[in-house]
Amino acid sequence: MSNSQAARDIDTSRPHSARMYDYYLGGKDHFDVDKQAAERVAEAYPAIFVCARENRAFMHRATRALAREHGIRQWLDIGTGIPTEPNLHQVAQSVVPDARVVYADNDPLVLKYAERLMRSTSEGRTTYIEADVNDPQSLLNAPELAEVLDLDRPVALSLNALMHFVTDAQDPYGIVRRLLDVLPSGSALALSHCTPDFDPATWQKVTDIYTSAGTPVQFRSQQAVARFFDGLDLLEPGVAVGHRWRPDAAEGDAPTDAEVSLWTGVGIKP
């Protein structure tokens, strides 16, 4: 699909989770309908901005750790969202310039800005696929993926703040398993997932706001998030609150677990 086609396909009549997330991060690629829904979430859960920021910070740390410590040179990032610098490929290529990254999302607005995701180093490669995580086989069969990733070599599957948009009725664990099944030994899963564990009442309000806006969500407990890593070797510190997963040197006051409300983890496929 061309960018002009993507622009025509953007639905501005209802809020979209990727554009709401852009608002939480202080971006400008959203519409009034998204801002209004995001502000309803912020009214119920004022720390949503902290959660979004810590989610990005986890992605940066997990990407660097996989590149530096585990020899990962390839990433499949699903649910990419609207580009926000530094993007995953910029983080990876700052450590390993030859890193290859395939981005995938199903929002036409993300496609509209996808050229931002194509600014790779000369040694590396990036591409963007319009695909839905609910149809993993179509994503894996996309010719663009085969052009950039070598599935005979380890790949990091990056699922950041995505799987809470896949309800149990959509078989989230089966989807992740099908994606991991095609990846060789030494591959990795890096995942972050919002949770109601620290403030169930607030997160029920957030659930209601998203659901009433036409975006079903299912926020999960630590135990339920840990299931995504079944069969993988979890890196220390295991499934941890976002800001507690291998934090960088402390800068100012750390947020509380309830403010972050995000389970994160990285596992290696044996």
Protein backbone atom coordinates (compact mmCIF):
# COMPACT_ATOMS: atom_id res chain seq x y z
CA MET A 1 0.00 0.00 0.00
CA SER A 2 1.32 3.47 -0.83
CA ASN A 3 1.57 6.19 1.80
CA SER A 4 -1.16 8.17 0.05
CA GLN A 5 -3.42 5.10 0.15
CA ALA A 6 -2.55 4.66 3.83
CA ALA A 7 -3.52 8.25 4.55
CA ARG A 8 -6.91 7.72 2.88
CA ASP A 9 -7.47 4.58 4.97
CA ILE A 10 -6.90 6.27 8.34
CA ASP A 11 -10.08 6.18 10.43
CA THR A 12 -10.32 9.39 12.44
CA SER A 13 -13.84 8.69 13.69
CA ARG A 14 -12.67 6.56 16.62
CA PRO A 15 -9.55 6.49 18.80
CA HIS A 16 -6.71 4.12 17.97
CA SER A 17 -4.37 2.59 20.53
CA ALA A 18 -1.19 3.44 18.58
CA ARG A 19 -2.19 7.09 18.29
CA MET A 20 -3.20 7.21 21.97
CA TYR A 21 0.23 5.82 22.83
CA ASP A 22 1.79 8.54 20.69
CA TYR A 23 -0.08 11.08 22.84
CA TYR A 24 1.19 9.47 26.05
CA LEU A 25 4.75 9.81 24.74
CA GLY A 26 4.27 13.47 23.91
CA GLY A 27 4.15 12.91 20.15
CA LYS A 28 2.18 14.85 17.56
CA ASP A 29 0.90 12.04 15.31
CA HIS A 30 -2.62 11.69 16.70
CA PHE A 31 -6.03 13.24 16.24
CA ASP A 32 -8.50 14.94 18.60
CA VAL A 33 -10.45 11.71 19.03
CA ASP A 34 -7.28 9.98 20.21
CA LYS A 35 -6.35 12.84 22.54
CA GLN A 36 -9.81 12.81 24.11
CA ALA A 37 -9.69 9.06 24.77
CA ALA A 38 -6.11 9.28 26.05
CA GLU A 39 -7.08 12.08 28.42
CA ARG A 40 -9.93 9.92 29.78
CA VAL A 41 -7.34 7.22 30.49
CA ALA A 42 -5.04 9.78 32.11
CA GLU A 43 -7.89 11.00 34.30
CA ALA A 44 -8.41 7.45 35.58
CA TYR A 45 -4.69 6.58 35.65
CA PRO A 46 -2.53 9.70 35.78
CA ALA A 47 0.66 7.62 35.65
CA ILE A 48 -0.10 6.39 32.11
CA PHE A 49 2.63 8.76 30.92
CA VAL A 50 5.11 7.11 33.29
CA CYS A 51 4.01 3.67 32.08
CA ALA A 52 4.52 4.64 28.43
CA ARG A 53 7.92 6.17 29.12
CA GLU A 54 9.09 3.13 31.09
CA ASN A 55 7.87 0.83 28.33
CA ARG A 56 10.10 2.61 25.82
CA ALA A 57 13.01 2.56 28.26
CA PHE A 58 12.62 -1.21 28.72
CA MET A 59 12.67 -1.71 24.94
CA HIS A 60 15.93 0.23 24.74
CA ARG A 61 17.59 -1.75 27.54
CA ALA A 62 16.37 -5.14 26.32
CA THR A 63 17.54 -4.40 22.77
CA ARG A 64 21.00 -3.36 23.95
CA ALA A 65 21.29 -6.40 26.24
CA LEU A 66 20.39 -8.82 23.44
CA ALA A 67 22.85 -7.18 21.06
CA ARG A 68 25.74 -6.93 23.51
CA GLU A 69 25.35 -10.07 25.58
CA HIS A 70 23.61 -12.60 23.34
CA GLY A 71 24.89 -11.87 19.86
CA ILE A 72 21.47 -10.99 18.44
CA ARG A 73 21.71 -9.21 15.10
CA GLN A 74 18.09 -9.55 13.91
CA TRP A 75 14.79 -8.30 15.31
CA LEU A 76 11.14 -8.82 14.43
CA ASP A 77 9.21 -5.99 16.09
CA ILE A 78 5.44 -6.48 15.96
CA GLY A 79 3.07 -3.74 17.02
CA THR A 80 5.69 -1.15 16.18
CA GLY A 81 3.46 1.86 16.69
CA ILE A 82 4.09 5.35 15.40
CA PRO A 83 7.84 5.96 15.07
CA THR A 84 9.42 7.56 18.14
CA GLU A 85 13.14 8.19 18.19
CA PRO A 86 15.24 6.39 19.05
CA ASN A 87 13.42 3.56 17.29
CA LEU A 88 14.42 -0.05 17.90
CA HIS A 89 16.74 -0.24 14.88
CA GLN A 90 18.54 2.91 16.00
CA VAL A 91 19.15 1.40 19.43
CA ALA A 92 20.29 -1.93 17.97
CA GLN A 93 22.49 -0.37 15.30
CA SER A 94 24.15 1.89 17.87
CA VAL A 95 25.52 -1.34 19.38
CA VAL A 96 25.82 -3.51 16.25
CA PRO A 97 25.74 -1.44 13.04
CA ASP A 98 24.85 -4.49 10.93
CA ALA A 99 21.59 -5.15 12.83
CA ARG A 100 18.56 -6.05 10.71
CA VAL A 101 15.05 -5.14 11.83
CA VAL A 102 11.63 -5.98 10.44
CA TYR A 103 8.82 -3.80 11.78
CA ALA A 104 5.19 -4.89 11.55
CA ASP A 105 1.95 -3.09 12.38
CA ASN A 106 -1.60 -2.97 11.03
CA ASP A 107 -2.34 0.73 11.47
CA PRO A 108 -2.36 2.78 8.25
CA LEU A 109 -1.02 5.78 10.18
CA VAL A 110 2.09 3.79 11.12
CA LEU A 111 2.56 2.93 7.43
CA LYS A 112 2.25 6.63 6.58
CA TYR A 113 5.31 7.35 8.70
CA ALA A 114 7.16 4.12 7.93
CA GLU A 115 9.92 5.90 6.02
CA ARG A 116 11.23 6.97 9.42
CA LEU A 117 11.82 3.28 10.14
CA MET A 118 13.82 2.77 6.93
CA ARG A 119 16.75 5.02 7.82
CA SER A 120 19.14 2.16 8.47
CA THR A 121 22.90 2.17 8.71
CA SER A 122 24.61 1.18 5.47
CA GLU A 123 25.70 -2.10 7.11
CA GLY A 124 22.22 -3.02 8.37
CA ARG A 125 18.73 -3.34 6.93
CA THR A 126 15.23 -2.38 7.99
CA THR A 127 11.82 -2.89 6.44
CA TYR A 128 8.16 -2.45 7.34
CA ILE A 129 5.34 -4.95 6.84
CA GLU A 130 1.66 -4.14 7.14
CA ALA A 131 0.49 -7.16 9.13
CA ASP A 132 -1.67 -8.19 12.06
CA VAL A 133 -0.32 -10.20 14.99
CA ASN A 134 -3.59 -12.14 14.94
CA ASP A 135 -2.50 -13.64 11.60
CA PRO A 136 1.08 -14.70 12.34
CA GLN A 137 1.36 -16.94 9.29
CA SER A 138 0.70 -14.11 6.84
CA LEU A 139 3.28 -12.02 8.63
CA LEU A 140 5.87 -14.82 8.50
CA ASN A 141 5.10 -15.47 4.82
CA ALA A 142 5.60 -11.81 3.82
CA PRO A 143 8.35 -11.60 1.20
CA GLU A 144 9.78 -8.48 2.86
CA LEU A 145 10.54 -10.51 5.97
CA ALA A 146 12.54 -13.10 4.04
CA GLU A 147 14.45 -10.32 2.28
CA VAL A 148 15.74 -8.88 5.56
CA LEU A 149 15.80 -11.70 8.13
CA ASP A 150 17.62 -15.03 7.95
CA LEU A 151 15.43 -17.40 9.96
CA ASP A 152 18.30 -19.86 10.22
CA ARG A 153 20.03 -17.38 12.56
CA PRO A 154 18.74 -16.09 15.93
CA VAL A 155 16.02 -13.45 15.86
CA ALA A 156 14.66 -11.38 18.74
CA LEU A 157 10.86 -11.26 18.71
CA SER A 158 9.93 -7.90 20.20
CA LEU A 159 6.35 -7.56 21.50
CA ASN A 160 6.19 -4.32 23.43
CA ALA A 161 2.86 -3.27 24.95
CA LEU A 162 1.10 -5.37 22.31
CA MET A 163 -0.28 -8.58 23.79
CA HIS A 164 -2.72 -6.85 26.15
CA PHE A 165 -4.58 -5.96 22.95
CA VAL A 166 -4.96 -9.69 22.23
CA THR A 167 -7.69 -11.15 24.45
CA ASP A 168 -7.77 -14.77 25.57
CA ALA A 169 -10.45 -15.43 22.95
CA GLN A 170 -7.83 -14.60 20.29
CA ASP A 171 -5.36 -17.21 21.62
CA PRO A 172 -2.46 -14.93 22.62
CA TYR A 173 -0.23 -17.75 23.86
CA GLY A 174 -0.78 -19.73 20.68
CA ILE A 175 0.13 -16.69 18.58
CA VAL A 176 3.41 -16.14 20.43
CA ARG A 177 4.21 -19.86 20.25
CA ARG A 178 3.65 -19.94 16.47
CA LEU A 179 5.97 -16.99 16.02
CA LEU A 180 8.67 -18.51 18.22
CA ASP A 181 8.35 -21.96 16.64
CA VAL A 182 9.87 -20.74 13.36
CA LEU A 183 12.82 -19.10 15.08
CA PRO A 184 16.02 -21.09 15.74
CA SER A 185 17.77 -21.84 19.01
CA GLY A 186 19.37 -18.71 20.47
CA SER A 187 16.43 -16.54 19.44
CA ALA A 188 14.72 -14.37 22.04
CA LEU A 189 11.38 -12.99 23.17
CA ALA A 190 11.33 -9.47 24.64
CA LEU A 191 7.86 -8.60 25.92
CA SER A 192 6.17 -5.91 27.98
CA HIS A 193 2.56 -6.08 29.14
CA CYS A 194 0.38 -3.78 31.25
CA THR A 195 -1.00 -5.28 34.45
CA PRO A 196 -3.79 -4.64 36.97
CA ASP A 197 -1.79 -6.34 39.75
CA PHE A 198 -0.97 -3.16 41.69
CA ASP A 199 -4.28 -1.28 41.29
CA PRO A 200 -7.13 -3.47 39.98
CA ALA A 201 -9.83 -0.78 40.30
CA THR A 202 -7.91 1.76 38.24
CA TRP A 203 -7.04 -0.76 35.55
CA GLN A 204 -10.68 -1.81 35.31
CA LYS A 205 -11.47 1.81 34.47
CA VAL A 206 -8.73 1.80 31.81
CA THR A 207 -10.12 -1.46 30.40
CA ASP A 208 -13.60 0.06 30.19
CA ILE A 209 -12.32 3.17 28.38
CA TYR A 210 -10.47 1.17 25.73
CA THR A 211 -13.31 -1.32 25.28
CA SER A 212 -15.94 1.40 24.94
CA ALA A 213 -13.71 3.05 22.30
CA GLY A 214 -13.80 -0.16 20.26
CA THR A 215 -10.43 -1.60 21.31
CA PRO A 216 -10.79 -4.75 23.42
CA VAL A 217 -7.99 -5.15 25.96
CA GLN A 218 -6.99 -7.74 28.53
CA PHE A 219 -4.44 -6.65 31.09
CA ARG A 220 -2.81 -9.63 32.78
CA SER A 221 -1.23 -10.69 36.05
CA GLN A 222 2.46 -11.50 36.48
CA GLN A 223 1.66 -15.20 36.39
CA ALA A 224 -0.29 -14.83 33.15
CA VAL A 225 2.49 -12.74 31.56
CA ALA A 226 5.09 -15.32 32.62
CA ARG A 227 3.20 -17.93 30.56
CA PHE A 228 4.38 -16.20 27.39
CA PHE A 229 7.91 -17.32 28.31
CA ASP A 230 7.07 -21.01 28.80
CA GLY A 231 9.90 -23.12 27.37
CA LEU A 232 12.34 -20.19 27.26
CA ASP A 233 15.28 -19.44 29.54
CA LEU A 234 14.37 -16.20 31.29
CA LEU A 235 17.16 -13.69 31.71
CA GLU A 236 17.66 -12.16 35.14
CA PRO A 237 15.72 -10.62 36.84
CA GLY A 238 12.89 -12.69 35.32
CA VAL A 239 9.47 -11.15 34.81
CA ALA A 240 9.88 -7.80 36.55
CA VAL A 241 8.15 -4.43 36.71
CA GLY A 242 9.42 -2.38 33.78
CA HIS A 243 11.72 0.01 35.64
CA ARG A 244 13.21 -2.88 37.63
CA TRP A 245 14.37 -4.86 34.57
CA ARG A 246 18.12 -4.11 34.49
CA PRO A 247 17.74 -0.41 35.24
CA ASP A 248 20.34 2.06 34.08
CA ALA A 249 22.09 4.17 36.70
CA ALA A 250 19.46 5.85 38.85
CA GLU A 251 18.39 9.29 37.71
CA GLY A 252 16.25 11.09 40.24
CA ASP A 253 13.33 9.47 42.04
CA ALA A 254 12.24 6.09 40.68
CA PRO A 255 8.53 5.62 39.97
CA THR A 256 6.47 3.21 42.05
CA ASP A 257 5.46 -0.23 40.82
CA ALA A 258 1.83 0.94 40.71
CA GLU A 259 2.74 3.93 38.55
CA VAL A 260 4.58 1.71 36.04
CA SER A 261 2.12 -1.24 36.15
CA LEU A 262 4.03 -3.01 33.41
CA TRP A 263 5.45 -6.55 33.52
CA THR A 264 8.52 -7.05 31.34
CA GLY A 265 10.84 -9.92 30.54
CA VAL A 266 13.32 -11.37 28.08
CA GLY A 267 13.69 -15.08 27.39
CA ILE A 268 16.12 -17.05 25.21
CA LYS A 269 15.00 -20.06 23.16
CA PRO A 270 17.14 -23.08 24.10
